[in-house]
Amino acid sequence: MDLIFNIFNPELMMGYGSLPLVGSILVHIAFSAAVFNDAQRLQKDRDALVFVNTWLWSLAVLVGGVFVALAYWVMHHSTIAKR
């Protein structure tokens, strides 16, 4: 019985339970920075950003994550993107 309570130690769960949250935050920040750099390059080279400007795309990816980054890629880099 004591073994069961040791497995569900609240202090241990707080440490390892926050790893997915920290990982998700890091992924959001990394994708947001990548989209910001790419959007700046696209705006400088072709002046061709869809819908909004550089910082708003970056903010949208920071909040929306991988799915918004996928939408950005589809609109700007895929074969169905208008060039």
PDB file of N, CA and C in Angstrom:
ATOM      1  N   MET A   1       0.814  -1.192   0.000  1.00  0.00           N
ATOM      2  CA  MET A   1       0.000   0.000   0.000  1.00  0.00           C
ATOM      3  C   MET A   1       0.859   1.257   0.000  1.00  0.00           C
ATOM      4  N   ASP A   2       1.960   1.183   0.686  1.00  0.00           N
ATOM      5  CA  ASP A   2       2.839   2.342   0.743  1.00  0.00           C
ATOM      6  C   ASP A   2       3.495   2.612  -0.608  1.00  0.00           C
ATOM      7  N   LEU A   3       3.722   1.565  -1.391  1.00  0.00           N
ATOM      8  CA  LEU A   3       4.332   1.721  -2.707  1.00  0.00           C
ATOM      9  C   LEU A   3       3.444   2.540  -3.636  1.00  0.00           C
ATOM     10  N   ILE A   4       2.153   2.347  -3.564  1.00  0.00           N
ATOM     11  CA  ILE A   4       1.221   3.082  -4.420  1.00  0.00           C
ATOM     12  C   ILE A   4       1.288   4.572  -4.124  1.00  0.00           C
ATOM     13  N   PHE A   5       1.359   4.932  -2.873  1.00  0.00           N
ATOM     14  CA  PHE A   5       1.422   6.339  -2.515  1.00  0.00           C
ATOM     15  C   PHE A   5       2.766   6.962  -2.887  1.00  0.00           C
ATOM     16  N   ASN A   6       3.811   6.183  -2.902  1.00  0.00           N
ATOM     17  CA  ASN A   6       5.110   6.703  -3.308  1.00  0.00           C
ATOM     18  C   ASN A   6       5.180   6.970  -4.809  1.00  0.00           C
ATOM     19  N   ILE A   7       4.451   6.185  -5.590  1.00  0.00           N
ATOM     20  CA  ILE A   7       4.432   6.408  -7.035  1.00  0.00           C
ATOM     21  C   ILE A   7       3.755   7.733  -7.366  1.00  0.00           C
ATOM     22  N   PHE A   8       2.688   8.068  -6.669  1.00  0.00           N
ATOM     23  CA  PHE A   8       1.935   9.285  -6.921  1.00  0.00           C
ATOM     24  C   PHE A   8       2.354  10.410  -5.988  1.00  0.00           C
ATOM     25  N   ASN A   9       3.632  10.555  -5.786  1.00  0.00           N
ATOM     26  CA  ASN A   9       4.164  11.604  -4.936  1.00  0.00           C
ATOM     27  C   ASN A   9       3.884  12.962  -5.579  1.00  0.00           C
ATOM     28  N   PRO A  10       3.201  13.871  -4.900  1.00  0.00           N
ATOM     29  CA  PRO A  10       2.862  15.166  -5.512  1.00  0.00           C
ATOM     30  C   PRO A  10       4.085  15.992  -5.894  1.00  0.00           C
ATOM     31  N   GLU A  11       5.133  15.907  -5.126  1.00  0.00           N
ATOM     32  CA  GLU A  11       6.338  16.669  -5.465  1.00  0.00           C
ATOM     33  C   GLU A  11       6.966  16.154  -6.753  1.00  0.00           C
ATOM     34  N   LEU A  12       6.970  14.847  -6.920  1.00  0.00           N
ATOM     35  CA  LEU A  12       7.503  14.252  -8.132  1.00  0.00           C
ATOM     36  C   LEU A  12       6.624  14.579  -9.329  1.00  0.00           C
ATOM     37  N   MET A  13       5.316  14.555  -9.159  1.00  0.00           N
ATOM     38  CA  MET A  13       4.389  14.857 -10.246  1.00  0.00           C
ATOM     39  C   MET A  13       4.497  16.315 -10.674  1.00  0.00           C
ATOM     40  N   MET A  14       4.759  17.217  -9.761  1.00  0.00           N
ATOM     41  CA  MET A  14       4.912  18.626 -10.126  1.00  0.00           C
ATOM     42  C   MET A  14       6.147  18.816 -10.990  1.00  0.00           C
ATOM     43  N   GLY A  15       7.196  18.085 -10.720  1.00  0.00           N
ATOM     44  CA  GLY A  15       8.420  18.218 -11.507  1.00  0.00           C
ATOM     45  C   GLY A  15       8.279  17.639 -12.894  1.00  0.00           C
ATOM     46  N   TYR A  16       7.846  16.380 -12.981  1.00  0.00           N
ATOM     47  CA  TYR A  16       7.729  15.724 -14.278  1.00  0.00           C
ATOM     48  C   TYR A  16       6.433  16.070 -14.997  1.00  0.00           C
ATOM     49  N   GLY A  17       5.449  16.487 -14.275  1.00  0.00           N
ATOM     50  CA  GLY A  17       4.181  16.857 -14.888  1.00  0.00           C
ATOM     51  C   GLY A  17       4.253  18.139 -15.683  1.00  0.00           C
ATOM     52  N   SER A  18       5.226  18.987 -15.371  1.00  0.00           N
ATOM     53  CA  SER A  18       5.357  20.254 -16.076  1.00  0.00           C
ATOM     54  C   SER A  18       6.238  20.152 -17.327  1.00  0.00           C
ATOM     55  N   LEU A  19       6.870  19.007 -17.558  1.00  0.00           N
ATOM     56  CA  LEU A  19       7.732  18.858 -18.736  1.00  0.00           C
ATOM     57  C   LEU A  19       6.980  19.032 -20.057  1.00  0.00           C
ATOM     58  N   PRO A  20       5.802  18.452 -20.244  1.00  0.00           N
ATOM     59  CA  PRO A  20       5.088  18.695 -21.507  1.00  0.00           C
ATOM     60  C   PRO A  20       4.722  20.168 -21.710  1.00  0.00           C
ATOM     61  N   LEU A  21       4.384  20.852 -20.627  1.00  0.00           N
ATOM     62  CA  LEU A  21       4.065  22.273 -20.726  1.00  0.00           C
ATOM     63  C   LEU A  21       5.281  23.076 -21.152  1.00  0.00           C
ATOM     64  N   VAL A  22       6.414  22.817 -20.546  1.00  0.00           N
ATOM     65  CA  VAL A  22       7.650  23.519 -20.904  1.00  0.00           C
ATOM     66  C   VAL A  22       8.040  23.197 -22.345  1.00  0.00           C
ATOM     67  N   GLY A  23       7.899  21.937 -22.740  1.00  0.00           N
ATOM     68  CA  GLY A  23       8.200  21.552 -24.112  1.00  0.00           C
ATOM     69  C   GLY A  23       7.293  22.249 -25.111  1.00  0.00           C
ATOM     70  N   SER A  24       6.027  22.341 -24.801  1.00  0.00           N
ATOM     71  CA  SER A  24       5.078  23.022 -25.678  1.00  0.00           C
ATOM     72  C   SER A  24       5.400  24.506 -25.806  1.00  0.00           C
ATOM     73  N   ILE A  25       5.743  25.134 -24.714  1.00  0.00           N
ATOM     74  CA  ILE A  25       6.110  26.553 -24.755  1.00  0.00           C
ATOM     75  C   ILE A  25       7.349  26.763 -25.612  1.00  0.00           C
ATOM     76  N   LEU A  26       8.338  25.901 -25.473  1.00  0.00           N
ATOM     77  CA  LEU A  26       9.556  26.020 -26.281  1.00  0.00           C
ATOM     78  C   LEU A  26       9.273  25.814 -27.769  1.00  0.00           C
ATOM     79  N   VAL A  27       8.405  24.870 -28.095  1.00  0.00           N
ATOM     80  CA  VAL A  27       8.045  24.647 -29.503  1.00  0.00           C
ATOM     81  C   VAL A  27       7.315  25.863 -30.066  1.00  0.00           C
ATOM     82  N   HIS A  28       6.403  26.436 -29.307  1.00  0.00           N
ATOM     83  CA  HIS A  28       5.686  27.625 -29.763  1.00  0.00           C
ATOM     84  C   HIS A  28       6.648  28.782 -30.007  1.00  0.00           C
ATOM     85  N   ILE A  29       7.584  28.991 -29.098  1.00  0.00           N
ATOM     86  CA  ILE A  29       8.545  30.089 -29.256  1.00  0.00           C
ATOM     87  C   ILE A  29       9.448  29.847 -30.460  1.00  0.00           C
ATOM     88  N   ALA A  30       9.912  28.609 -30.638  1.00  0.00           N
ATOM     89  CA  ALA A  30      10.794  28.298 -31.762  1.00  0.00           C
ATOM     90  C   ALA A  30      10.077  28.475 -33.100  1.00  0.00           C
ATOM     91  N   PHE A  31       8.857  27.979 -33.210  1.00  0.00           N
ATOM     92  CA  PHE A  31       8.107  28.138 -34.461  1.00  0.00           C
ATOM     93  C   PHE A  31       7.779  29.600 -34.714  1.00  0.00           C
ATOM     94  N   SER A  32       7.472  30.337 -33.669  1.00  0.00           N
ATOM     95  CA  SER A  32       7.170  31.757 -33.824  1.00  0.00           C
ATOM     96  C   SER A  32       8.389  32.529 -34.325  1.00  0.00           C
ATOM     97  N   ALA A  33       9.556  32.229 -33.783  1.00  0.00           N
ATOM     98  CA  ALA A  33      10.783  32.894 -34.236  1.00  0.00           C
ATOM     99  C   ALA A  33      11.103  32.526 -35.684  1.00  0.00           C
ATOM    100  N   ALA A  34      10.899  31.265 -36.048  1.00  0.00           N
ATOM    101  CA  ALA A  34      11.159  30.837 -37.421  1.00  0.00           C
ATOM    102  C   ALA A  34      10.206  31.514 -38.401  1.00  0.00           C
ATOM    103  N   VAL A  35       8.945  31.603 -38.054  1.00  0.00           N
ATOM    104  CA  VAL A  35       7.977  32.274 -38.922  1.00  0.00           C
ATOM    105  C   VAL A  35       8.293  33.754 -39.022  1.00  0.00           C
ATOM    106  N   PHE A  36       8.702  34.373 -37.940  1.00  0.00           N
ATOM    107  CA  PHE A  36       9.062  35.796 -37.971  1.00  0.00           C
ATOM    108  C   PHE A  36      10.221  36.040 -38.931  1.00  0.00           C
ATOM    109  N   ASN A  37      11.267  35.216 -38.832  1.00  0.00           N
ATOM    110  CA  ASN A  37      12.415  35.389 -39.731  1.00  0.00           C
ATOM    111  C   ASN A  37      12.038  35.132 -41.184  1.00  0.00           C
ATOM    112  N   ASP A  38      11.254  34.097 -41.426  1.00  0.00           N
ATOM    113  CA  ASP A  38      10.854  33.784 -42.789  1.00  0.00           C
ATOM    114  C   ASP A  38       9.937  34.868 -43.352  1.00  0.00           C
ATOM    115  N   ALA A  39       9.029  35.372 -42.547  1.00  0.00           N
ATOM    116  CA  ALA A  39       8.126  36.425 -43.007  1.00  0.00           C
ATOM    117  C   ALA A  39       8.886  37.707 -43.319  1.00  0.00           C
ATOM    118  N   GLN A  40       9.883  38.025 -42.518  1.00  0.00           N
ATOM    119  CA  GLN A  40      10.706  39.197 -42.822  1.00  0.00           C
ATOM    120  C   GLN A  40      11.433  39.026 -44.145  1.00  0.00           C
ATOM    121  N   ARG A  41      11.957  37.819 -44.376  1.00  0.00           N
ATOM    122  CA  ARG A  41      12.657  37.554 -45.634  1.00  0.00           C
ATOM    123  C   ARG A  41      11.693  37.644 -46.818  1.00  0.00           C
ATOM    124  N   LEU A  42      10.510  37.070 -46.685  1.00  0.00           N
ATOM    125  CA  LEU A  42       9.529  37.143 -47.766  1.00  0.00           C
ATOM    126  C   LEU A  42       9.092  38.577 -48.042  1.00  0.00           C
ATOM    127  N   GLN A  43       8.887  39.340 -46.989  1.00  0.00           N
ATOM    128  CA  GLN A  43       8.458  40.721 -47.165  1.00  0.00           C
ATOM    129  C   GLN A  43       9.554  41.550 -47.822  1.00  0.00           C
ATOM    130  N   LYS A  44      10.796  41.276 -47.478  1.00  0.00           N
ATOM    131  CA  LYS A  44      11.912  42.016 -48.063  1.00  0.00           C
ATOM    132  C   LYS A  44      12.153  41.617 -49.515  1.00  0.00           C
ATOM    133  N   ASP A  45      12.114  40.317 -49.805  1.00  0.00           N
ATOM    134  CA  ASP A  45      12.425  39.839 -51.149  1.00  0.00           C
ATOM    135  C   ASP A  45      11.272  40.038 -52.132  1.00  0.00           C
ATOM    136  N   ARG A  46      10.056  39.637 -51.740  1.00  0.00           N
ATOM    137  CA  ARG A  46       8.945  39.642 -52.684  1.00  0.00           C
ATOM    138  C   ARG A  46       7.812  40.571 -52.295  1.00  0.00           C
ATOM    139  N   ASP A  47       7.847  41.107 -51.106  1.00  0.00           N
ATOM    140  CA  ASP A  47       6.756  41.926 -50.575  1.00  0.00           C
ATOM    141  C   ASP A  47       5.427  41.179 -50.724  1.00  0.00           C
ATOM    142  N   ALA A  48       5.442  39.911 -50.315  1.00  0.00           N
ATOM    143  CA  ALA A  48       4.285  39.056 -50.556  1.00  0.00           C
ATOM    144  C   ALA A  48       3.882  38.277 -49.311  1.00  0.00           C
ATOM    145  N   LEU A  49       3.331  38.963 -48.337  1.00  0.00           N
ATOM    146  CA  LEU A  49       2.766  38.274 -47.176  1.00  0.00           C
ATOM    147  C   LEU A  49       1.254  38.250 -47.312  1.00  0.00           C
ATOM    148  N   VAL A  50       0.662  37.123 -46.952  1.00  0.00           N
ATOM    149  CA  VAL A  50      -0.777  36.956 -47.080  1.00  0.00           C
ATOM    150  C   VAL A  50      -1.453  37.408 -45.793  1.00  0.00           C
ATOM    151  N   PHE A  51      -2.480  38.215 -45.922  1.00  0.00           N
ATOM    152  CA  PHE A  51      -3.372  38.691 -44.863  1.00  0.00           C
ATOM    153  C   PHE A  51      -2.760  39.734 -43.935  1.00  0.00           C
ATOM    154  N   VAL A  52      -1.696  39.420 -43.218  1.00  0.00           N
ATOM    155  CA  VAL A  52      -1.193  40.334 -42.187  1.00  0.00           C
ATOM    156  C   VAL A  52       0.318  40.491 -42.306  1.00  0.00           C
ATOM    157  N   ASN A  53       0.867  41.346 -41.468  1.00  0.00           N
ATOM    158  CA  ASN A  53       2.307  41.611 -41.536  1.00  0.00           C
ATOM    159  C   ASN A  53       3.114  40.620 -40.695  1.00  0.00           C
ATOM    160  N   THR A  54       4.419  40.864 -40.625  1.00  0.00           N
ATOM    161  CA  THR A  54       5.368  39.930 -40.018  1.00  0.00           C
ATOM    162  C   THR A  54       5.077  39.649 -38.549  1.00  0.00           C
ATOM    163  N   TRP A  55       4.938  40.693 -37.763  1.00  0.00           N
ATOM    164  CA  TRP A  55       4.808  40.480 -36.315  1.00  0.00           C
ATOM    165  C   TRP A  55       3.475  39.831 -35.957  1.00  0.00           C
ATOM    166  N   LEU A  56       2.441  40.066 -36.764  1.00  0.00           N
ATOM    167  CA  LEU A  56       1.154  39.449 -36.465  1.00  0.00           C
ATOM    168  C   LEU A  56       1.156  37.957 -36.809  1.00  0.00           C
ATOM    169  N   TRP A  57       1.863  37.574 -37.876  1.00  0.00           N
ATOM    170  CA  TRP A  57       2.031  36.139 -38.155  1.00  0.00           C
ATOM    171  C   TRP A  57       2.781  35.470 -37.008  1.00  0.00           C
ATOM    172  N   SER A  58       3.828  36.131 -36.534  1.00  0.00           N
ATOM    173  CA  SER A  58       4.611  35.572 -35.442  1.00  0.00           C
ATOM    174  C   SER A  58       3.774  35.435 -34.171  1.00  0.00           C
ATOM    175  N   LEU A  59       2.982  36.420 -33.871  1.00  0.00           N
ATOM    176  CA  LEU A  59       2.115  36.368 -32.695  1.00  0.00           C
ATOM    177  C   LEU A  59       1.064  35.266 -32.839  1.00  0.00           C
ATOM    178  N   ALA A  60       0.522  35.118 -34.037  1.00  0.00           N
ATOM    179  CA  ALA A  60      -0.475  34.076 -34.270  1.00  0.00           C
ATOM    180  C   ALA A  60       0.130  32.686 -34.070  1.00  0.00           C
ATOM    181  N   VAL A  61       1.362  32.486 -34.534  1.00  0.00           N
ATOM    182  CA  VAL A  61       2.025  31.195 -34.342  1.00  0.00           C
ATOM    183  C   VAL A  61       2.378  30.984 -32.874  1.00  0.00           C
ATOM    184  N   LEU A  62       2.749  32.036 -32.182  1.00  0.00           N
ATOM    185  CA  LEU A  62       3.056  31.922 -30.757  1.00  0.00           C
ATOM    186  C   LEU A  62       1.831  31.460 -29.975  1.00  0.00           C
ATOM    187  N   VAL A  63       0.672  31.959 -30.336  1.00  0.00           N
ATOM    188  CA  VAL A  63      -0.558  31.581 -29.638  1.00  0.00           C
ATOM    189  C   VAL A  63      -1.118  30.263 -30.177  1.00  0.00           C
ATOM    190  N   GLY A  64      -1.122  30.109 -31.499  1.00  0.00           N
ATOM    191  CA  GLY A  64      -1.772  28.957 -32.120  1.00  0.00           C
ATOM    192  C   GLY A  64      -0.905  27.733 -32.290  1.00  0.00           C
ATOM    193  N   GLY A  65       0.396  27.925 -32.296  1.00  0.00           N
ATOM    194  CA  GLY A  65       1.302  26.793 -32.359  1.00  0.00           C
ATOM    195  C   GLY A  65       1.513  26.215 -33.742  1.00  0.00           C
ATOM    196  N   VAL A  66       1.669  24.919 -33.770  1.00  0.00           N
ATOM    197  CA  VAL A  66       2.070  24.204 -34.978  1.00  0.00           C
ATOM    198  C   VAL A  66       1.009  24.311 -36.075  1.00  0.00           C
ATOM    199  N   PHE A  67      -0.261  24.326 -35.715  1.00  0.00           N
ATOM    200  CA  PHE A  67      -1.313  24.380 -36.724  1.00  0.00           C
ATOM    201  C   PHE A  67      -1.325  25.720 -37.462  1.00  0.00           C
ATOM    202  N   VAL A  68      -1.068  26.804 -36.759  1.00  0.00           N
ATOM    203  CA  VAL A  68      -0.987  28.108 -37.416  1.00  0.00           C
ATOM    204  C   VAL A  68       0.290  28.186 -38.250  1.00  0.00           C
ATOM    205  N   ALA A  69       1.370  27.587 -37.779  1.00  0.00           N
ATOM    206  CA  ALA A  69       2.597  27.534 -38.582  1.00  0.00           C
ATOM    207  C   ALA A  69       2.362  26.737 -39.862  1.00  0.00           C
ATOM    208  N   LEU A  70       1.581  25.669 -39.777  1.00  0.00           N
ATOM    209  CA  LEU A  70       1.222  24.906 -40.968  1.00  0.00           C
ATOM    210  C   LEU A  70       0.390  25.758 -41.924  1.00  0.00           C
ATOM    211  N   ALA A  71      -0.550  26.522 -41.410  1.00  0.00           N
ATOM    212  CA  ALA A  71      -1.347  27.417 -42.253  1.00  0.00           C
ATOM    213  C   ALA A  71      -0.458  28.461 -42.924  1.00  0.00           C
ATOM    214  N   TYR A  72       0.515  28.999 -42.189  1.00  0.00           N
ATOM    215  CA  TYR A  72       1.463  29.965 -42.761  1.00  0.00           C
ATOM    216  C   TYR A  72       2.241  29.318 -43.908  1.00  0.00           C
ATOM    217  N   TRP A  73       2.708  28.096 -43.684  1.00  0.00           N
ATOM    218  CA  TRP A  73       3.480  27.409 -44.718  1.00  0.00           C
ATOM    219  C   TRP A  73       2.626  27.153 -45.960  1.00  0.00           C
ATOM    220  N   VAL A  74       1.389  26.720 -45.764  1.00  0.00           N
ATOM    221  CA  VAL A  74       0.505  26.446 -46.900  1.00  0.00           C
ATOM    222  C   VAL A  74       0.262  27.719 -47.699  1.00  0.00           C
ATOM    223  N   MET A  75       0.072  28.824 -47.021  1.00  0.00           N
ATOM    224  CA  MET A  75      -0.216  30.081 -47.722  1.00  0.00           C
ATOM    225  C   MET A  75       0.994  30.697 -48.404  1.00  0.00           C
ATOM    226  N   HIS A  76       2.195  30.390 -47.930  1.00  0.00           N
ATOM    227  CA  HIS A  76       3.372  31.067 -48.461  1.00  0.00           C
ATOM    228  C   HIS A  76       4.359  30.171 -49.203  1.00  0.00           C
ATOM    229  N   HIS A  77       4.415  28.887 -48.909  1.00  0.00           N
ATOM    230  CA  HIS A  77       5.484  28.050 -49.459  1.00  0.00           C
ATOM    231  C   HIS A  77       5.019  26.792 -50.183  1.00  0.00           C
ATOM    232  N   SER A  78       3.786  26.404 -50.052  1.00  0.00           N
ATOM    233  CA  SER A  78       3.356  25.162 -50.695  1.00  0.00           C
ATOM    234  C   SER A  78       3.126  25.381 -52.181  1.00  0.00           C
ATOM    235  N   THR A  79       2.852  24.299 -52.896  1.00  0.00           N
ATOM    236  CA  THR A  79       2.645  24.408 -54.340  1.00  0.00           C
ATOM    237  C   THR A  79       1.293  25.031 -54.669  1.00  0.00           C
ATOM    238  N   ILE A  80       0.382  25.087 -53.710  1.00  0.00           N
ATOM    239  CA  ILE A  80      -0.905  25.743 -53.985  1.00  0.00           C
ATOM    240  C   ILE A  80      -0.872  27.241 -53.670  1.00  0.00           C
ATOM    241  N   ALA A  81       0.246  27.726 -53.156  1.00  0.00           N
ATOM    242  CA  ALA A  81       0.371  29.149 -52.840  1.00  0.00           C
ATOM    243  C   ALA A  81       0.456  29.955 -54.128  1.00  0.00           C
ATOM    244  N   LYS A  82      -0.224  31.078 -54.133  1.00  0.00           N
ATOM    245  CA  LYS A  82      -0.162  31.964 -55.279  1.00  0.00           C
ATOM    246  C   LYS A  82       1.166  32.700 -55.266  1.00  0.00           C
ATOM    247  N   ARG A  83       1.867  32.652 -56.376  1.00  0.00           N
ATOM    248  CA  ARG A  83       3.206  33.283 -56.416  1.00  0.00           C
ATOM    249  C   ARG A  83       3.223  34.495 -57.281  1.00  0.00           C
TER     250      ARG A  83
END
